[in-house]
Amino acid sequence: MIEVKDAVDNAIHFLKEIRITELPNLKVEEVYLEKDKYIIVTLGWDEERSLTPLEKMTKPANTPFPTERIYKSFYIDNDNGKVEKMKIRKVNNG
């Protein structure tokens, strides 16, 4: 069995290896054990989102683009610490 801290470190390392762009405001959002097989680590970060047509017309120049929070869950094998899979994590805001 691996330690939770090691599972989190492995998830972050894996994410940074597969991402080309920066990960602003990267945070550990959730960690839990699933059926003694996986430690599931959910990471979140901010990404610029597309502007709506109204925002395109009304956004003042030199203001930052709006962002959205992205969440991914990483399934870390509890025996060897390897990332077995990554899933998009949908979060309801409301």
Protein backbone atom coordinates (compact mmCIF):
# COMPACT_ATOMS: atom_id res chain seq x y z
CA MET A 1 0.00 0.00 0.00
CA ILE A 2 1.16 3.49 -0.77
CA GLU A 3 0.71 6.59 1.35
CA VAL A 4 -1.89 9.19 0.39
CA LYS A 5 0.79 11.87 -0.02
CA ASP A 6 2.63 9.66 -2.51
CA ALA A 7 -0.60 9.04 -4.44
CA VAL A 8 -1.21 12.80 -4.66
CA ASP A 9 2.39 13.42 -5.78
CA ASN A 10 2.04 10.71 -8.46
CA ALA A 11 -1.21 12.24 -9.76
CA ILE A 12 0.33 15.73 -9.97
CA HIS A 13 3.47 14.40 -11.66
CA PHE A 14 1.38 12.45 -14.20
CA LEU A 15 -0.79 15.48 -14.98
CA LYS A 16 2.21 17.75 -15.48
CA GLU A 17 3.81 15.22 -17.84
CA ILE A 18 0.79 15.05 -20.14
CA ARG A 19 -0.12 18.76 -20.10
CA ILE A 20 1.67 21.21 -22.36
CA THR A 21 0.15 24.36 -20.88
CA GLU A 22 0.42 25.73 -17.37
CA LEU A 23 -1.96 24.64 -14.62
CA PRO A 24 -2.95 27.86 -12.84
CA ASN A 25 -4.27 27.51 -9.31
CA LEU A 26 -3.66 23.73 -9.23
CA LYS A 27 -5.12 22.22 -6.05
CA VAL A 28 -5.95 18.85 -4.56
CA GLU A 29 -9.74 18.84 -4.41
CA GLU A 30 -10.50 15.37 -3.07
CA VAL A 31 -8.78 12.10 -2.09
CA TYR A 32 -10.41 8.80 -1.17
CA LEU A 33 -9.85 5.05 -1.20
CA GLU A 34 -12.02 2.92 -3.48
CA LYS A 35 -12.43 -0.77 -2.62
CA ASP A 36 -8.82 -1.04 -1.36
CA LYS A 37 -7.69 -1.06 -5.02
CA TYR A 38 -7.39 2.62 -5.93
CA ILE A 39 -6.61 5.87 -4.22
CA ILE A 40 -8.64 8.37 -6.20
CA VAL A 41 -7.13 11.85 -6.34
CA THR A 42 -9.15 14.70 -7.82
CA LEU A 43 -7.14 17.71 -8.95
CA GLY A 44 -8.57 21.04 -10.05
CA TRP A 45 -7.17 24.05 -11.89
CA ASP A 46 -8.38 27.14 -13.74
CA GLU A 47 -8.54 27.51 -17.52
CA GLU A 48 -9.69 30.41 -19.65
CA ARG A 49 -13.12 29.74 -21.07
CA SER A 50 -14.61 30.92 -24.33
CA LEU A 51 -16.50 34.17 -24.27
CA THR A 52 -20.21 34.20 -24.93
CA PRO A 53 -21.36 36.38 -27.86
CA LEU A 54 -22.55 39.05 -25.38
CA GLU A 55 -19.22 38.96 -23.52
CA LYS A 56 -17.36 39.39 -26.82
CA MET A 57 -19.27 42.59 -27.50
CA THR A 58 -19.07 44.05 -23.99
CA LYS A 59 -15.73 42.88 -22.55
CA PRO A 60 -13.51 45.90 -21.89
CA ALA A 61 -10.05 45.75 -23.42
CA ASN A 62 -7.20 44.67 -21.16
CA THR A 63 -9.46 42.79 -18.75
CA PRO A 64 -8.69 39.15 -17.98
CA PHE A 65 -10.65 36.42 -19.69
CA PRO A 66 -13.14 34.57 -17.51
CA THR A 67 -12.00 31.21 -16.21
CA GLU A 68 -13.66 27.92 -15.40
CA ARG A 69 -12.54 25.26 -12.94
CA ILE A 70 -11.41 21.98 -14.51
CA TYR A 71 -11.50 18.78 -12.46
CA LYS A 72 -9.84 15.44 -13.23
CA SER A 73 -9.83 12.29 -11.10
CA PHE A 74 -6.76 10.06 -11.11
CA TYR A 75 -7.00 6.41 -10.12
CA ILE A 76 -3.74 5.45 -8.40
CA ASP A 77 -3.08 1.74 -7.90
CA ASN A 78 -2.91 1.22 -4.15
CA ASP A 79 -0.24 -1.49 -4.48
CA ASN A 80 2.30 0.02 -6.87
CA GLY A 81 1.43 3.75 -6.94
CA LYS A 82 1.00 3.97 -10.71
CA VAL A 83 -1.69 6.07 -12.34
CA GLU A 84 -4.06 3.53 -13.89
CA LYS A 85 -6.59 5.93 -15.37
CA MET A 86 -7.73 9.53 -15.50
CA LYS A 87 -11.34 10.70 -15.79
CA ILE A 88 -13.03 14.03 -16.29
CA ARG A 89 -14.84 14.98 -13.12
CA LYS A 90 -18.09 16.86 -13.66
CA VAL A 91 -19.17 19.14 -10.83
CA ASN A 92 -22.64 20.64 -10.50
CA ASN A 93 -22.51 24.31 -9.55
CA GLY A 94 -25.86 24.78 -8.01
